[in-house]
């Protein structure tokens, strides 16, 4: 029993903690898809893919609690994808992203 407890305690540092990411999207009828990533404890990122026939102008607003929101603008050509990241000065507990895309 002691060996089992020691083995479990030794494996605790191996577990990784990923914070939740909520995305609110305003796509205006465009064929846009996204995927979020918890890059680091203080960095969040989103990959935006455009599956439509029209280029898109997108804006991603990253919010992490009491810190000022970080706004990233990106142009996503038709049939392509782009990544944007935001770094915060504190560890992220819950990341909120508002993604707004309009046709170009």
N, C-alpha and C. Protein backbone atom coordinates (compact mmCIF):
# COMPACT_ATOMS: atom_id res chain seq x y z
N UNK A 1 0.83 -1.19 0.00
CA UNK A 1 0.00 0.00 0.00
C UNK A 1 0.87 1.26 0.00
N UNK A 2 1.96 1.22 0.79
CA UNK A 2 2.86 2.37 0.84
C UNK A 2 3.47 2.64 -0.53
N UNK A 3 3.83 1.57 -1.24
CA UNK A 3 4.43 1.74 -2.57
C UNK A 3 3.43 2.37 -3.54
N UNK A 4 2.18 1.98 -3.45
CA UNK A 4 1.15 2.53 -4.33
C UNK A 4 0.94 4.02 -4.05
N UNK A 5 0.89 4.38 -2.78
CA UNK A 5 0.74 5.80 -2.42
C UNK A 5 1.93 6.63 -2.88
N UNK A 6 3.13 6.11 -2.70
CA UNK A 6 4.33 6.82 -3.15
C UNK A 6 4.33 6.99 -4.68
N UNK A 7 3.90 5.97 -5.40
CA UNK A 7 3.86 6.05 -6.85
C UNK A 7 2.84 7.10 -7.31
N UNK A 8 1.69 7.16 -6.66
CA UNK A 8 0.67 8.15 -7.02
C UNK A 8 1.14 9.57 -6.72
N UNK A 9 1.80 9.76 -5.59
CA UNK A 9 2.32 11.08 -5.24
C UNK A 9 3.43 11.51 -6.18
N UNK A 10 4.22 10.57 -6.65
CA UNK A 10 5.31 10.90 -7.56
C UNK A 10 4.78 11.32 -8.93
N UNK A 11 3.61 10.83 -9.33
CA UNK A 11 3.07 11.15 -10.65
C UNK A 11 2.26 12.44 -10.65
N UNK A 12 1.99 13.06 -9.52
CA UNK A 12 1.20 14.29 -9.47
C UNK A 12 1.78 15.42 -10.31
N UNK A 13 3.08 15.68 -10.27
CA UNK A 13 3.61 16.77 -11.09
C UNK A 13 3.47 16.53 -12.60
N UNK A 14 3.22 15.30 -13.02
CA UNK A 14 3.10 14.99 -14.44
C UNK A 14 1.75 15.41 -15.01
N UNK A 15 0.77 15.67 -14.16
CA UNK A 15 -0.54 16.06 -14.66
C UNK A 15 -0.49 17.53 -15.09
N UNK A 16 -1.09 17.82 -16.22
CA UNK A 16 -1.10 19.19 -16.76
C UNK A 16 -2.49 19.79 -16.57
N UNK A 17 -2.53 21.07 -16.33
CA UNK A 17 -3.81 21.76 -16.15
C UNK A 17 -4.04 22.67 -17.35
N UNK A 18 -5.16 22.45 -18.02
CA UNK A 18 -5.54 23.31 -19.15
C UNK A 18 -6.75 24.12 -18.72
N UNK A 19 -6.72 25.40 -18.97
CA UNK A 19 -7.81 26.28 -18.58
C UNK A 19 -8.93 26.20 -19.61
N UNK A 20 -10.18 26.47 -19.20
CA UNK A 20 -11.29 26.46 -20.16
C UNK A 20 -11.27 27.70 -21.04
N UNK A 21 -11.72 27.54 -22.28
CA UNK A 21 -11.79 28.64 -23.23
C UNK A 21 -13.21 28.71 -23.78
N UNK A 22 -13.86 29.85 -23.60
CA UNK A 22 -15.20 30.09 -24.13
C UNK A 22 -15.08 31.01 -25.34
N UNK A 23 -15.79 30.67 -26.41
CA UNK A 23 -15.76 31.49 -27.62
C UNK A 23 -17.19 31.93 -27.96
N UNK A 24 -17.34 33.23 -28.12
CA UNK A 24 -18.61 33.79 -28.60
C UNK A 24 -18.34 34.23 -30.03
N UNK A 25 -19.13 33.73 -30.97
CA UNK A 25 -18.85 34.02 -32.38
C UNK A 25 -19.97 34.81 -33.04
N UNK A 26 -19.57 35.77 -33.86
CA UNK A 26 -20.45 36.56 -34.71
C UNK A 26 -19.89 36.44 -36.11
N UNK A 27 -20.37 35.46 -36.87
CA UNK A 27 -19.75 35.14 -38.16
C UNK A 27 -20.47 35.76 -39.36
N UNK A 28 -21.62 36.38 -39.16
CA UNK A 28 -22.36 37.06 -40.23
C UNK A 28 -22.60 36.16 -41.44
N UNK A 29 -22.94 34.90 -41.20
CA UNK A 29 -23.28 33.97 -42.27
C UNK A 29 -22.10 33.42 -43.06
N UNK A 30 -20.89 33.70 -42.62
CA UNK A 30 -19.70 33.23 -43.35
C UNK A 30 -19.37 31.80 -42.93
N UNK A 31 -18.65 31.09 -43.80
CA UNK A 31 -18.23 29.72 -43.51
C UNK A 31 -16.87 29.76 -42.81
N UNK A 32 -16.92 30.09 -41.53
CA UNK A 32 -15.71 30.23 -40.71
C UNK A 32 -15.74 29.17 -39.62
N UNK A 33 -14.60 28.55 -39.38
CA UNK A 33 -14.44 27.61 -38.29
C UNK A 33 -13.24 28.04 -37.46
N UNK A 34 -13.19 27.62 -36.22
CA UNK A 34 -12.08 28.02 -35.35
C UNK A 34 -11.68 26.86 -34.45
N UNK A 35 -10.47 26.94 -33.95
CA UNK A 35 -9.97 25.98 -32.97
C UNK A 35 -9.13 26.76 -31.97
N UNK A 36 -9.37 26.52 -30.68
CA UNK A 36 -8.64 27.24 -29.64
C UNK A 36 -7.55 26.36 -29.03
N UNK A 37 -6.54 27.03 -28.50
CA UNK A 37 -5.40 26.34 -27.89
C UNK A 37 -5.01 27.03 -26.59
N UNK A 38 -4.74 26.24 -25.57
CA UNK A 38 -4.15 26.75 -24.33
C UNK A 38 -2.64 26.61 -24.49
N UNK A 39 -2.01 27.58 -25.12
CA UNK A 39 -0.60 27.50 -25.48
C UNK A 39 0.30 27.43 -24.26
N UNK A 40 0.06 28.28 -23.28
CA UNK A 40 0.85 28.31 -22.05
C UNK A 40 -0.07 28.79 -20.94
N UNK A 41 0.43 28.86 -19.73
CA UNK A 41 -0.42 29.27 -18.61
C UNK A 41 -0.86 30.72 -18.71
N UNK A 42 -0.14 31.54 -19.50
CA UNK A 42 -0.52 32.94 -19.66
C UNK A 42 -0.69 33.36 -21.13
N UNK A 43 -0.74 32.37 -22.04
CA UNK A 43 -0.90 32.64 -23.47
C UNK A 43 -2.05 31.79 -24.02
N UNK A 44 -2.97 32.45 -24.73
CA UNK A 44 -4.06 31.74 -25.39
C UNK A 44 -4.02 32.04 -26.87
N UNK A 45 -4.50 31.10 -27.69
CA UNK A 45 -4.48 31.33 -29.13
C UNK A 45 -5.71 30.72 -29.78
N UNK A 46 -6.02 31.22 -30.98
CA UNK A 46 -7.14 30.73 -31.75
C UNK A 46 -6.69 30.64 -33.21
N UNK A 47 -7.09 29.56 -33.88
CA UNK A 47 -6.85 29.40 -35.30
C UNK A 47 -8.18 29.58 -36.01
N UNK A 48 -8.24 30.49 -36.96
CA UNK A 48 -9.46 30.80 -37.69
C UNK A 48 -9.29 30.31 -39.13
N UNK A 49 -10.23 29.45 -39.57
CA UNK A 49 -10.18 28.91 -40.93
C UNK A 49 -11.39 29.42 -41.72
N UNK A 50 -11.14 29.85 -42.95
CA UNK A 50 -12.18 30.37 -43.82
C UNK A 50 -12.45 29.34 -44.92
N UNK A 51 -13.65 28.71 -44.85
CA UNK A 51 -14.02 27.70 -45.84
C UNK A 51 -14.91 28.28 -46.94
N UNK A 52 -15.13 29.58 -46.92
CA UNK A 52 -15.99 30.23 -47.91
C UNK A 52 -15.23 30.64 -49.15
N UNK A 53 -15.96 31.34 -50.04
CA UNK A 53 -15.38 31.82 -51.30
C UNK A 53 -14.96 33.28 -51.23
N UNK A 54 -15.22 33.93 -50.10
CA UNK A 54 -14.95 35.36 -49.94
C UNK A 54 -13.94 35.55 -48.81
N UNK A 55 -12.98 36.46 -48.99
CA UNK A 55 -12.02 36.78 -47.93
C UNK A 55 -12.77 37.37 -46.73
N UNK A 56 -12.19 37.19 -45.54
CA UNK A 56 -12.85 37.65 -44.32
C UNK A 56 -11.94 38.57 -43.52
N UNK A 57 -12.52 39.61 -42.95
CA UNK A 57 -11.85 40.46 -41.97
C UNK A 57 -12.38 40.04 -40.61
N UNK A 58 -11.50 39.60 -39.73
CA UNK A 58 -11.92 39.10 -38.43
C UNK A 58 -11.26 39.89 -37.30
N UNK A 59 -11.92 39.89 -36.17
CA UNK A 59 -11.39 40.53 -34.97
C UNK A 59 -11.62 39.56 -33.82
N UNK A 60 -10.57 39.27 -33.06
CA UNK A 60 -10.66 38.41 -31.90
C UNK A 60 -10.31 39.23 -30.66
N UNK A 61 -11.20 39.25 -29.69
CA UNK A 61 -10.99 39.97 -28.44
C UNK A 61 -10.81 38.94 -27.33
N UNK A 62 -9.61 38.89 -26.75
CA UNK A 62 -9.26 37.95 -25.69
C UNK A 62 -9.47 38.63 -24.34
N UNK A 63 -10.21 37.98 -23.43
CA UNK A 63 -10.44 38.53 -22.09
C UNK A 63 -10.04 37.49 -21.05
N UNK A 64 -9.34 37.97 -20.03
CA UNK A 64 -8.91 37.11 -18.93
C UNK A 64 -9.18 37.84 -17.62
N UNK A 65 -10.40 37.75 -17.13
CA UNK A 65 -10.74 38.33 -15.84
C UNK A 65 -10.53 39.82 -15.78
N UNK A 66 -9.83 40.31 -14.74
CA UNK A 66 -9.74 41.76 -14.52
C UNK A 66 -8.76 42.49 -15.44
N UNK A 67 -7.95 41.76 -16.22
CA UNK A 67 -6.99 42.43 -17.10
C UNK A 67 -7.71 43.07 -18.29
N UNK A 68 -7.07 44.04 -18.89
CA UNK A 68 -7.61 44.70 -20.07
C UNK A 68 -7.68 43.70 -21.22
N UNK A 69 -8.79 43.73 -21.99
CA UNK A 69 -8.91 42.80 -23.12
C UNK A 69 -7.85 43.08 -24.18
N UNK A 70 -7.41 42.02 -24.85
CA UNK A 70 -6.44 42.13 -25.95
C UNK A 70 -7.19 41.93 -27.26
N UNK A 71 -7.09 42.87 -28.19
CA UNK A 71 -7.77 42.78 -29.48
C UNK A 71 -6.76 42.47 -30.57
N UNK A 72 -7.08 41.47 -31.38
CA UNK A 72 -6.23 41.09 -32.51
C UNK A 72 -7.09 41.10 -33.77
N UNK A 73 -6.60 41.76 -34.82
CA UNK A 73 -7.30 41.80 -36.10
C UNK A 73 -6.54 40.93 -37.09
N UNK A 74 -7.30 40.24 -37.95
CA UNK A 74 -6.67 39.38 -38.93
C UNK A 74 -7.52 39.30 -40.19
N UNK A 75 -6.84 39.14 -41.31
CA UNK A 75 -7.49 38.94 -42.59
C UNK A 75 -7.28 37.48 -42.97
N UNK A 76 -8.39 36.77 -43.22
CA UNK A 76 -8.30 35.36 -43.57
C UNK A 76 -8.76 35.19 -45.01
N UNK A 77 -7.84 34.90 -45.94
CA UNK A 77 -8.23 34.69 -47.33
C UNK A 77 -9.12 33.45 -47.47
N UNK A 78 -9.91 33.41 -48.53
CA UNK A 78 -10.79 32.26 -48.78
C UNK A 78 -9.95 30.99 -48.93
N UNK A 79 -10.36 29.94 -48.24
CA UNK A 79 -9.67 28.66 -48.30
C UNK A 79 -8.41 28.57 -47.47
N UNK A 80 -8.11 29.55 -46.66
CA UNK A 80 -6.88 29.57 -45.84
C UNK A 80 -7.24 29.64 -44.36
N UNK A 81 -6.21 29.60 -43.51
CA UNK A 81 -6.41 29.78 -42.06
C UNK A 81 -5.29 30.64 -41.50
N UNK A 82 -5.57 31.28 -40.38
CA UNK A 82 -4.60 32.15 -39.70
C UNK A 82 -4.68 31.90 -38.20
N UNK A 83 -3.57 32.15 -37.51
CA UNK A 83 -3.50 32.02 -36.05
C UNK A 83 -3.25 33.38 -35.43
N UNK A 84 -3.85 33.61 -34.26
CA UNK A 84 -3.56 34.79 -33.45
C UNK A 84 -3.42 34.35 -32.00
N UNK A 85 -2.56 35.05 -31.27
CA UNK A 85 -2.34 34.74 -29.86
C UNK A 85 -2.44 36.00 -29.03
N UNK A 86 -2.62 35.80 -27.73
CA UNK A 86 -2.62 36.91 -26.79
C UNK A 86 -1.89 36.46 -25.53
N UNK A 87 -0.99 37.30 -25.05
CA UNK A 87 -0.24 37.02 -23.81
C UNK A 87 -0.74 37.95 -22.72
N UNK A 88 -0.96 37.39 -21.55
CA UNK A 88 -1.42 38.15 -20.40
C UNK A 88 -0.33 38.19 -19.34
N UNK A 89 -0.43 39.13 -18.43
CA UNK A 89 0.58 39.26 -17.38
C UNK A 89 0.33 38.30 -16.22
N UNK A 90 -0.85 37.73 -16.14
CA UNK A 90 -1.19 36.76 -15.08
C UNK A 90 -1.53 35.42 -15.72
N UNK A 91 -1.50 34.37 -14.91
CA UNK A 91 -1.94 33.06 -15.39
C UNK A 91 -3.43 33.12 -15.73
N UNK A 92 -3.80 32.44 -16.78
CA UNK A 92 -5.19 32.43 -17.23
C UNK A 92 -5.95 31.39 -16.42
N UNK A 93 -7.08 31.80 -15.86
CA UNK A 93 -7.95 30.87 -15.16
C UNK A 93 -9.07 30.43 -16.10
N UNK A 94 -9.67 31.38 -16.81
CA UNK A 94 -10.69 31.11 -17.82
C UNK A 94 -10.55 32.17 -18.90
N UNK A 95 -10.38 31.73 -20.14
CA UNK A 95 -10.19 32.65 -21.25
C UNK A 95 -11.50 32.77 -22.03
N UNK A 96 -11.87 34.02 -22.33
CA UNK A 96 -13.05 34.30 -23.13
C UNK A 96 -12.60 34.99 -24.42
N UNK A 97 -13.09 34.50 -25.55
CA UNK A 97 -12.74 35.07 -26.85
C UNK A 97 -14.02 35.44 -27.57
N UNK A 98 -14.09 36.68 -28.05
CA UNK A 98 -15.19 37.10 -28.91
C UNK A 98 -14.64 37.22 -30.32
N UNK A 99 -15.14 36.36 -31.21
CA UNK A 99 -14.68 36.31 -32.60
C UNK A 99 -15.75 36.91 -33.50
N UNK A 100 -15.39 37.98 -34.21
CA UNK A 100 -16.31 38.66 -35.12
C UNK A 100 -15.69 38.68 -36.52
N UNK A 101 -16.41 38.16 -37.51
CA UNK A 101 -15.91 38.13 -38.87
C UNK A 101 -16.94 38.75 -39.82
N UNK A 102 -16.42 39.52 -40.79
CA UNK A 102 -17.26 40.13 -41.82
C UNK A 102 -16.62 39.88 -43.18
N UNK A 103 -17.44 39.83 -44.24
CA UNK A 103 -16.86 39.66 -45.58
C UNK A 103 -16.06 40.89 -45.98
N UNK A 104 -15.03 40.67 -46.71
CA UNK A 104 -14.16 41.77 -47.13
C UNK A 104 -14.72 42.47 -48.35
